[in-house]
């Protein structure tokens, strides 16, 4: 029966079209819908972590600045960084998801404040090694995101934001 079918060539164009579309349609959907969404989400995650680091770096101890020393208040800077992250991603204070969160799962966020620059020249994360020259705030984040059609396999965006503070010369 199969020999007859392949020999007659009736409906071969239909079969070729079905096979082509079953392969090409998911690829086209990914590149026209999910890929741009993933890229936009990637930019949003990076911008959020950069904004959180920039906000955290502003939490300088004013009494030490008047003495000519830059010192970042660790408690306040971590609190402000987490506030920026939770508000942007629509998370609870413990970083668990709210109902309409833009991310797929609970992120891993690590906020590190480095004030003693003489003892810490480099700081290592899974994204690489960062040279520390001034008092700094590093925020490492692993943020799970999902696509629209391919939501069954969330992707994790890993990013490290670094902000350093110094006196203007």
N, C-alpha and C. Protein backbone atom coordinates (compact mmCIF):
# COMPACT_ATOMS: atom_id res chain seq x y z
N UNK A 1 0.82 -1.19 0.00
CA UNK A 1 0.00 0.00 0.00
C UNK A 1 0.87 1.26 0.00
N UNK A 2 1.93 1.28 0.80
CA UNK A 2 2.81 2.44 0.83
C UNK A 2 3.54 2.63 -0.49
N UNK A 3 3.91 1.52 -1.14
CA UNK A 3 4.58 1.62 -2.43
C UNK A 3 3.68 2.31 -3.44
N UNK A 4 2.38 1.95 -3.43
CA UNK A 4 1.43 2.56 -4.35
C UNK A 4 1.34 4.06 -4.10
N UNK A 5 1.30 4.41 -2.83
CA UNK A 5 1.14 5.82 -2.47
C UNK A 5 2.34 6.65 -2.93
N UNK A 6 3.54 6.19 -2.64
CA UNK A 6 4.72 6.94 -3.02
C UNK A 6 4.95 6.93 -4.54
N UNK A 7 4.47 5.90 -5.21
CA UNK A 7 4.64 5.81 -6.64
C UNK A 7 3.68 6.76 -7.38
N UNK A 8 2.48 6.92 -6.86
CA UNK A 8 1.48 7.70 -7.57
C UNK A 8 1.72 9.21 -7.49
N UNK A 9 2.39 9.69 -6.47
CA UNK A 9 2.70 11.10 -6.28
C UNK A 9 1.46 11.97 -6.11
N UNK A 10 0.29 11.38 -5.85
CA UNK A 10 -0.92 12.17 -5.62
C UNK A 10 -0.84 12.78 -4.22
N UNK A 11 -1.06 14.07 -4.10
CA UNK A 11 -1.08 14.75 -2.80
C UNK A 11 0.30 15.01 -2.21
N UNK A 12 1.34 14.85 -2.99
CA UNK A 12 2.70 15.04 -2.46
C UNK A 12 2.95 16.50 -2.08
N UNK A 13 2.35 17.44 -2.81
CA UNK A 13 2.50 18.86 -2.48
C UNK A 13 1.85 19.17 -1.14
N UNK A 14 0.70 18.58 -0.89
CA UNK A 14 0.02 18.78 0.39
C UNK A 14 0.85 18.23 1.53
N UNK A 15 1.40 17.07 1.35
CA UNK A 15 2.22 16.46 2.40
C UNK A 15 3.49 17.28 2.62
N UNK A 16 4.12 17.73 1.55
CA UNK A 16 5.31 18.58 1.69
C UNK A 16 4.98 19.87 2.44
N UNK A 17 3.84 20.46 2.11
CA UNK A 17 3.42 21.70 2.78
C UNK A 17 3.16 21.47 4.26
N UNK A 18 2.50 20.40 4.59
CA UNK A 18 2.22 20.08 6.01
C UNK A 18 3.51 19.84 6.78
N UNK A 19 4.42 19.10 6.20
CA UNK A 19 5.70 18.85 6.87
C UNK A 19 6.48 20.15 7.04
N UNK A 20 6.51 20.97 5.99
CA UNK A 20 7.24 22.24 6.06
C UNK A 20 6.64 23.15 7.13
N UNK A 21 5.30 23.28 7.14
CA UNK A 21 4.67 24.17 8.11
C UNK A 21 4.80 23.66 9.55
N UNK A 22 4.77 22.35 9.73
CA UNK A 22 4.92 21.83 11.09
C UNK A 22 6.30 22.10 11.65
N UNK A 23 7.27 22.28 10.79
CA UNK A 23 8.62 22.63 11.25
C UNK A 23 8.81 24.15 11.28
N UNK A 24 8.35 24.83 10.24
CA UNK A 24 8.62 26.26 10.11
C UNK A 24 7.74 27.13 11.00
N UNK A 25 6.50 26.73 11.25
CA UNK A 25 5.60 27.57 12.04
C UNK A 25 6.09 27.80 13.47
N UNK A 26 6.50 26.78 14.21
CA UNK A 26 7.03 27.07 15.56
C UNK A 26 8.28 27.95 15.54
N UNK A 27 9.13 27.77 14.53
CA UNK A 27 10.32 28.61 14.42
C UNK A 27 9.93 30.05 14.12
N UNK A 28 8.97 30.25 13.22
CA UNK A 28 8.52 31.60 12.91
C UNK A 28 7.87 32.27 14.11
N UNK A 29 7.07 31.51 14.86
CA UNK A 29 6.44 32.07 16.06
C UNK A 29 7.50 32.47 17.08
N UNK A 30 8.52 31.63 17.24
CA UNK A 30 9.57 31.96 18.20
C UNK A 30 10.28 33.25 17.81
N UNK A 31 10.67 33.37 16.54
CA UNK A 31 11.44 34.54 16.13
C UNK A 31 10.61 35.81 15.96
N UNK A 32 9.30 35.69 15.79
CA UNK A 32 8.49 36.89 15.63
C UNK A 32 7.80 37.32 16.92
N UNK A 33 7.58 36.41 17.86
CA UNK A 33 6.87 36.76 19.09
C UNK A 33 7.76 36.57 20.32
N UNK A 34 8.21 35.36 20.55
CA UNK A 34 8.94 35.07 21.79
C UNK A 34 10.33 35.68 21.84
N UNK A 35 11.07 35.65 20.77
CA UNK A 35 12.43 36.18 20.79
C UNK A 35 12.45 37.68 21.09
N UNK A 36 11.64 38.50 20.41
CA UNK A 36 11.62 39.93 20.78
C UNK A 36 11.15 40.16 22.21
N UNK A 37 10.20 39.35 22.69
CA UNK A 37 9.75 39.47 24.07
C UNK A 37 10.87 39.13 25.05
N UNK A 38 11.63 38.09 24.76
CA UNK A 38 12.76 37.70 25.61
C UNK A 38 13.83 38.79 25.60
N UNK A 39 14.09 39.38 24.46
CA UNK A 39 15.10 40.44 24.39
C UNK A 39 14.64 41.67 25.17
N UNK A 40 13.37 42.03 25.07
CA UNK A 40 12.86 43.18 25.82
C UNK A 40 12.90 42.89 27.32
N UNK A 41 12.56 41.68 27.72
CA UNK A 41 12.61 41.31 29.14
C UNK A 41 14.05 41.31 29.63
N UNK A 42 14.97 40.84 28.80
CA UNK A 42 16.39 40.84 29.15
C UNK A 42 16.86 42.28 29.41
N UNK A 43 16.48 43.21 28.53
CA UNK A 43 16.86 44.61 28.72
C UNK A 43 16.23 45.18 29.99
N UNK A 44 14.99 44.79 30.27
CA UNK A 44 14.30 45.29 31.47
C UNK A 44 14.97 44.77 32.74
N UNK A 45 15.37 43.51 32.75
CA UNK A 45 16.06 42.94 33.91
C UNK A 45 17.38 43.66 34.14
N UNK A 46 18.15 43.85 33.08
CA UNK A 46 19.45 44.54 33.21
C UNK A 46 19.26 45.98 33.67
N UNK A 47 18.29 46.68 33.10
CA UNK A 47 18.04 48.07 33.50
C UNK A 47 17.58 48.15 34.96
N UNK A 48 16.77 47.20 35.38
CA UNK A 48 16.29 47.20 36.76
C UNK A 48 17.43 46.99 37.75
N UNK A 49 18.31 46.02 37.45
CA UNK A 49 19.43 45.78 38.35
C UNK A 49 20.42 46.95 38.33
N UNK A 50 20.63 47.57 37.17
CA UNK A 50 21.47 48.76 37.10
C UNK A 50 20.86 49.92 37.91
N UNK A 51 19.55 50.11 37.79
CA UNK A 51 18.87 51.16 38.55
C UNK A 51 18.94 50.89 40.04
N UNK A 52 18.79 49.63 40.42
CA UNK A 52 18.88 49.28 41.84
C UNK A 52 20.27 49.56 42.39
N UNK A 53 21.31 49.25 41.62
CA UNK A 53 22.68 49.53 42.06
C UNK A 53 22.93 51.03 42.14
N UNK A 54 22.41 51.78 41.18
CA UNK A 54 22.57 53.24 41.21
C UNK A 54 21.82 53.86 42.38
N UNK A 55 20.67 53.33 42.71
CA UNK A 55 19.92 53.82 43.87
C UNK A 55 20.63 53.47 45.16
N UNK A 56 21.15 52.26 45.24
CA UNK A 56 21.83 51.81 46.45
C UNK A 56 23.10 52.60 46.71
N UNK A 57 23.79 52.99 45.68
CA UNK A 57 25.06 53.70 45.84
C UNK A 57 24.85 55.09 46.43
N UNK A 58 23.64 55.61 46.31
CA UNK A 58 23.34 56.96 46.83
C UNK A 58 23.13 56.98 48.34
N UNK A 59 23.10 55.83 48.97
CA UNK A 59 22.86 55.76 50.41
C UNK A 59 24.18 55.93 51.16
N UNK A 60 24.76 57.10 51.04
CA UNK A 60 26.07 57.41 51.62
C UNK A 60 25.87 57.99 53.01
N UNK A 61 26.75 57.59 53.93
CA UNK A 61 26.73 58.12 55.28
C UNK A 61 27.24 59.56 55.24
N UNK A 62 26.33 60.52 55.46
CA UNK A 62 26.66 61.94 55.30
C UNK A 62 27.65 62.44 56.34
N UNK A 63 27.67 61.85 57.52
CA UNK A 63 28.62 62.30 58.54
C UNK A 63 30.05 61.98 58.14
N UNK A 64 30.26 60.87 57.46
CA UNK A 64 31.61 60.51 57.02
C UNK A 64 32.03 61.28 55.78
N UNK A 65 31.07 61.69 54.96
CA UNK A 65 31.39 62.49 53.77
C UNK A 65 31.98 63.83 54.20
N UNK A 66 31.42 64.43 55.26
CA UNK A 66 31.93 65.71 55.73
C UNK A 66 33.36 65.58 56.27
N UNK A 67 33.76 64.35 56.61
CA UNK A 67 35.13 64.10 57.07
C UNK A 67 36.03 63.66 55.91
N UNK A 68 35.50 63.66 54.70
CA UNK A 68 36.30 63.30 53.53
C UNK A 68 36.37 61.81 53.24
N UNK A 69 35.45 61.05 53.77
CA UNK A 69 35.45 59.60 53.56
C UNK A 69 34.12 59.17 52.94
N UNK A 70 34.19 58.35 51.91
CA UNK A 70 32.98 57.81 51.29
C UNK A 70 32.66 56.47 51.93
N UNK A 71 31.49 56.38 52.54
CA UNK A 71 31.07 55.16 53.19
C UNK A 71 29.60 54.93 52.88
N UNK A 72 29.28 53.78 52.33
CA UNK A 72 27.91 53.45 51.94
C UNK A 72 27.23 52.75 53.11
N UNK A 73 26.06 53.22 53.47
CA UNK A 73 25.28 52.60 54.54
C UNK A 73 24.73 51.27 54.01
N UNK A 74 25.25 50.17 54.55
CA UNK A 74 24.91 48.85 54.01
C UNK A 74 23.43 48.51 54.16
N UNK A 75 22.87 48.78 55.32
CA UNK A 75 21.47 48.42 55.58
C UNK A 75 20.54 49.21 54.66
N UNK A 76 20.75 50.51 54.60
CA UNK A 76 19.89 51.35 53.76
C UNK A 76 20.06 51.06 52.28
N UNK A 77 21.30 50.81 51.85
CA UNK A 77 21.53 50.56 50.41
C UNK A 77 20.89 49.23 49.99
N UNK A 78 20.99 48.21 50.83
CA UNK A 78 20.34 46.93 50.50
C UNK A 78 18.82 47.09 50.48
N UNK A 79 18.30 47.85 51.43
CA UNK A 79 16.86 48.07 51.50
C UNK A 79 16.36 48.81 50.26
N UNK A 80 17.08 49.84 49.83
CA UNK A 80 16.67 50.61 48.66
C UNK A 80 16.81 49.81 47.37
N UNK A 81 17.87 49.02 47.27
CA UNK A 81 18.05 48.18 46.07
C UNK A 81 16.91 47.17 45.95
N UNK A 82 16.59 46.52 47.04
CA UNK A 82 15.50 45.53 47.01
C UNK A 82 14.15 46.20 46.76
N UNK A 83 13.99 47.43 47.23
CA UNK A 83 12.74 48.15 46.96
C UNK A 83 12.57 48.41 45.47
N UNK A 84 13.64 48.84 44.81
CA UNK A 84 13.57 49.08 43.35
C UNK A 84 13.24 47.78 42.62
N UNK A 85 13.89 46.69 43.02
CA UNK A 85 13.68 45.40 42.35
C UNK A 85 12.27 44.88 42.57
N UNK A 86 11.78 44.94 43.82
CA UNK A 86 10.44 44.41 44.10
C UNK A 86 9.35 45.23 43.42
N UNK A 87 9.53 46.54 43.36
CA UNK A 87 8.51 47.37 42.71
C UNK A 87 8.51 47.19 41.20
N UNK A 88 9.68 47.05 40.61
CA UNK A 88 9.75 46.92 39.16
C UNK A 88 9.23 45.56 38.69
N UNK A 89 9.61 44.50 39.39
CA UNK A 89 9.19 43.16 38.99
C UNK A 89 7.85 42.74 39.60
N UNK A 90 7.24 43.62 40.39
CA UNK A 90 5.97 43.33 41.06
C UNK A 90 6.09 42.09 41.95
N UNK A 91 7.00 42.19 42.92
CA UNK A 91 7.27 41.10 43.85
C UNK A 91 6.88 41.51 45.27
N UNK A 92 6.69 40.51 46.13
CA UNK A 92 6.51 40.76 47.55
C UNK A 92 7.86 41.13 48.15
N UNK A 93 7.86 41.58 49.40
CA UNK A 93 9.11 41.99 50.05
C UNK A 93 10.10 40.83 50.21
N UNK A 94 9.60 39.60 50.28
CA UNK A 94 10.49 38.43 50.39
C UNK A 94 10.86 37.87 49.01
N UNK A 95 10.64 38.65 47.96
CA UNK A 95 10.96 38.33 46.56
C UNK A 95 10.12 37.20 45.97
N UNK A 96 9.02 36.86 46.61
CA UNK A 96 8.09 35.89 46.01
C UNK A 96 7.20 36.64 45.02
N UNK A 97 6.62 35.90 44.10
CA UNK A 97 5.83 36.50 43.03
C UNK A 97 4.47 37.00 43.52
N UNK A 98 4.08 38.17 43.01
CA UNK A 98 2.70 38.61 43.15
C UNK A 98 1.94 38.09 41.93
N UNK A 99 0.66 38.37 41.89
CA UNK A 99 -0.18 37.80 40.84
C UNK A 99 0.22 38.21 39.43
N UNK A 100 0.52 39.46 39.20
CA UNK A 100 0.81 39.94 37.84
C UNK A 100 2.28 40.27 37.65
N UNK A 101 3.14 39.45 38.17
CA UNK A 101 4.57 39.70 38.06
C UNK A 101 5.04 39.46 36.62
N UNK A 102 6.05 40.21 36.21
CA UNK A 102 6.54 40.08 34.83
C UNK A 102 7.58 38.96 34.70
N UNK A 103 7.95 38.33 35.80
CA UNK A 103 8.94 37.26 35.74
C UNK A 103 8.28 35.93 36.06
N UNK A 104 8.99 34.83 35.81
CA UNK A 104 8.39 33.51 35.88
C UNK A 104 8.51 32.85 37.25
N UNK A 105 9.46 33.24 38.05
CA UNK A 105 9.66 32.60 39.34
C UNK A 105 10.40 33.52 40.29
N UNK A 106 10.66 33.01 41.48
CA UNK A 106 11.36 33.79 42.49
C UNK A 106 12.81 34.02 42.07
N UNK A 107 13.24 35.27 41.99
CA UNK A 107 14.62 35.54 41.57
C UNK A 107 15.60 35.33 42.72
N UNK A 108 16.84 35.10 42.35
CA UNK A 108 17.94 35.06 43.32
C UNK A 108 18.66 36.39 43.20
N UNK A 109 18.61 37.19 44.25
CA UNK A 109 19.22 38.52 44.26
C UNK A 109 20.22 38.57 45.40
N UNK A 110 21.44 38.99 45.08
CA UNK A 110 22.49 39.14 46.09
C UNK A 110 23.04 40.57 46.00
N UNK A 111 22.83 41.35 47.05
CA UNK A 111 23.32 42.72 47.11
C UNK A 111 24.54 42.75 48.01
N UNK A 112 25.66 43.21 47.46
CA UNK A 112 26.92 43.27 48.21
C UNK A 112 27.40 44.71 48.24
N UNK A 113 27.66 45.21 49.44
CA UNK A 113 28.20 46.56 49.60
C UNK A 113 29.66 46.42 50.02
N UNK A 114 30.55 47.06 49.28
CA UNK A 114 31.98 47.00 49.57
C UNK A 114 32.44 48.41 49.93
N UNK A 115 32.78 48.60 51.20
CA UNK A 115 33.28 49.89 51.67
C UNK A 115 34.79 49.89 51.83
N UNK A 116 35.35 48.78 52.27
CA UNK A 116 36.78 48.69 52.52
C UNK A 116 37.49 48.25 51.24
N UNK A 117 37.87 49.22 50.43
CA UNK A 117 38.44 48.95 49.11
C UNK A 117 39.87 48.44 49.23
N UNK A 118 40.58 48.78 50.29
CA UNK A 118 41.98 48.34 50.41
C UNK A 118 42.09 46.84 50.58
N UNK A 119 41.11 46.22 51.25
CA UNK A 119 41.14 44.76 51.43
C UNK A 119 40.51 44.01 50.26
N UNK A 120 39.59 44.64 49.54
CA UNK A 120 38.89 43.97 48.44
C UNK A 120 39.26 44.64 47.13
N UNK A 121 40.14 44.02 46.38
CA UNK A 121 40.53 44.57 45.08
C UNK A 121 39.65 44.03 43.94
N UNK A 122 39.20 42.79 44.11
CA UNK A 122 38.37 42.12 43.11
C UNK A 122 37.21 41.45 43.80
N UNK A 123 36.11 41.33 43.08
CA UNK A 123 34.96 40.59 43.59
C UNK A 123 34.52 39.63 42.49
N UNK A 124 34.38 38.36 42.84
CA UNK A 124 34.02 37.33 41.86
C UNK A 124 32.55 36.96 41.97
N UNK A 125 31.88 36.89 40.84
CA UNK A 125 30.53 36.35 40.74
C UNK A 125 30.55 35.29 39.65
N UNK A 126 29.44 34.64 39.45
CA UNK A 126 29.39 33.64 38.37
C UNK A 126 29.41 34.31 37.00
N UNK A 127 29.23 35.62 36.94
CA UNK A 127 29.33 36.36 35.68
C UNK A 127 30.73 36.87 35.42
N UNK A 128 31.66 36.61 36.33
CA UNK A 128 33.02 37.05 36.11
C UNK A 128 33.59 37.79 37.30
N UNK A 129 34.77 38.33 37.09
CA UNK A 129 35.50 39.05 38.13
C UNK A 129 35.38 40.55 37.88
N UNK A 130 35.11 41.30 38.95
CA UNK A 130 34.95 42.74 38.85
C UNK A 130 36.02 43.42 39.69
N UNK A 131 36.68 44.39 39.09
CA UNK A 131 37.71 45.14 39.80
C UNK A 131 37.05 46.26 40.59
N UNK A 132 37.42 46.35 41.86
CA UNK A 132 36.84 47.34 42.75
C UNK A 132 37.91 48.39 43.07
N UNK A 133 37.63 49.64 42.70
CA UNK A 133 38.58 50.73 42.96
C UNK A 133 38.05 51.71 44.00
N UNK A 134 36.74 51.77 44.17
CA UNK A 134 36.09 52.71 45.07
C UNK A 134 35.00 51.98 45.84
N UNK A 135 34.45 52.61 46.88
CA UNK A 135 33.29 51.99 47.54
C UNK A 135 32.22 51.65 46.50
N UNK A 136 31.68 50.44 46.58
CA UNK A 136 30.84 49.93 45.50
C UNK A 136 29.63 49.17 46.01
N UNK A 137 28.66 49.05 45.14
CA UNK A 137 27.51 48.17 45.35
C UNK A 137 27.44 47.24 44.15
N UNK A 138 27.45 45.94 44.43
CA UNK A 138 27.30 44.93 43.38
C UNK A 138 25.99 44.22 43.61
N UNK A 139 25.22 44.06 42.56
CA UNK A 139 23.97 43.32 42.65
C UNK A 139 24.02 42.20 41.62
N UNK A 140 24.01 40.97 42.12
CA UNK A 140 23.98 39.80 41.24
C UNK A 140 22.56 39.26 41.24
N UNK A 141 22.03 39.02 40.07
CA UNK A 141 20.67 38.52 39.97
C UNK A 141 20.53 37.38 38.99
N UNK A 142 19.76 36.39 39.38
CA UNK A 142 19.32 35.31 38.50
C UNK A 142 17.80 35.41 38.44
N UNK A 143 17.30 35.86 37.31
CA UNK A 143 15.88 36.15 37.18
C UNK A 143 15.25 35.22 36.15
N UNK A 144 14.32 34.35 36.57
CA UNK A 144 13.66 33.46 35.61
C UNK A 144 12.56 34.20 34.84
N UNK A 145 12.60 34.08 33.52
CA UNK A 145 11.58 34.70 32.67
C UNK A 145 11.03 33.63 31.73
N UNK A 146 9.85 33.88 31.20
CA UNK A 146 9.26 32.92 30.26
C UNK A 146 8.71 33.66 29.06
N UNK A 147 8.59 32.92 27.98
CA UNK A 147 8.05 33.49 26.76
C UNK A 147 6.54 33.37 26.73
N UNK A 148 5.96 33.79 25.62
CA UNK A 148 4.51 33.73 25.47
C UNK A 148 4.05 32.34 25.06
N UNK A 149 4.60 31.84 23.96
CA UNK A 149 4.19 30.54 23.46
C UNK A 149 5.02 29.41 24.04
N UNK A 150 6.27 29.68 24.32
CA UNK A 150 7.16 28.66 24.84
C UNK A 150 7.36 28.86 26.34
N UNK A 151 6.25 28.99 27.06
CA UNK A 151 6.30 29.29 28.49
C UNK A 151 6.61 28.06 29.34
N UNK A 152 6.61 26.88 28.75
CA UNK A 152 6.88 25.67 29.53
C UNK A 152 8.35 25.54 29.91
N UNK A 153 9.21 26.32 29.28
CA UNK A 153 10.64 26.24 29.60
C UNK A 153 11.17 27.63 29.92
N UNK A 154 11.03 28.08 31.18
CA UNK A 154 11.54 29.41 31.52
C UNK A 154 13.06 29.50 31.39
N UNK A 155 13.52 30.65 31.00
CA UNK A 155 14.95 30.92 30.88
C UNK A 155 15.37 31.78 32.06
N UNK A 156 16.62 31.66 32.48
CA UNK A 156 17.13 32.45 33.59
C UNK A 156 18.13 33.46 33.06
N UNK A 157 17.87 34.72 33.34
CA UNK A 157 18.78 35.80 32.96
C UNK A 157 19.70 36.04 34.14
N UNK A 158 21.01 35.92 33.91
CA UNK A 158 22.00 36.17 34.96
C UNK A 158 22.72 37.46 34.62
N UNK A 159 22.75 38.37 35.59
CA UNK A 159 23.35 39.68 35.34
C UNK A 159 23.93 40.22 36.64
N UNK A 160 25.02 40.94 36.52
CA UNK A 160 25.64 41.61 37.65
C UNK A 160 25.71 43.11 37.35
N UNK A 161 25.12 43.89 38.23
CA UNK A 161 25.17 45.35 38.12
C UNK A 161 26.16 45.87 39.14
N UNK A 162 27.00 46.80 38.72
CA UNK A 162 28.02 47.37 39.60
C UNK A 162 27.92 48.89 39.55
N UNK A 163 27.93 49.50 40.73
CA UNK A 163 27.98 50.97 40.82
C UNK A 163 29.06 51.32 41.82
N UNK A 164 29.92 52.27 41.45
CA UNK A 164 30.99 52.72 42.33
C UNK A 164 30.85 54.22 42.56
N UNK A 165 31.26 54.67 43.73
CA UNK A 165 31.17 56.07 44.08
C UNK A 165 32.57 56.63 44.33
N UNK A 166 32.77 57.89 43.93
CA UNK A 166 34.07 58.53 44.17
C UNK A 166 33.87 60.03 44.22
N UNK A 167 34.82 60.72 44.86
CA UNK A 167 34.79 62.18 44.87
C UNK A 167 35.18 62.68 43.49
N UNK A 168 34.59 63.79 43.09
CA UNK A 168 34.95 64.40 41.82
C UNK A 168 36.27 65.14 41.99
N UNK A 169 37.13 64.99 41.02
CA UNK A 169 38.45 65.62 41.12
C UNK A 169 38.49 66.94 40.42
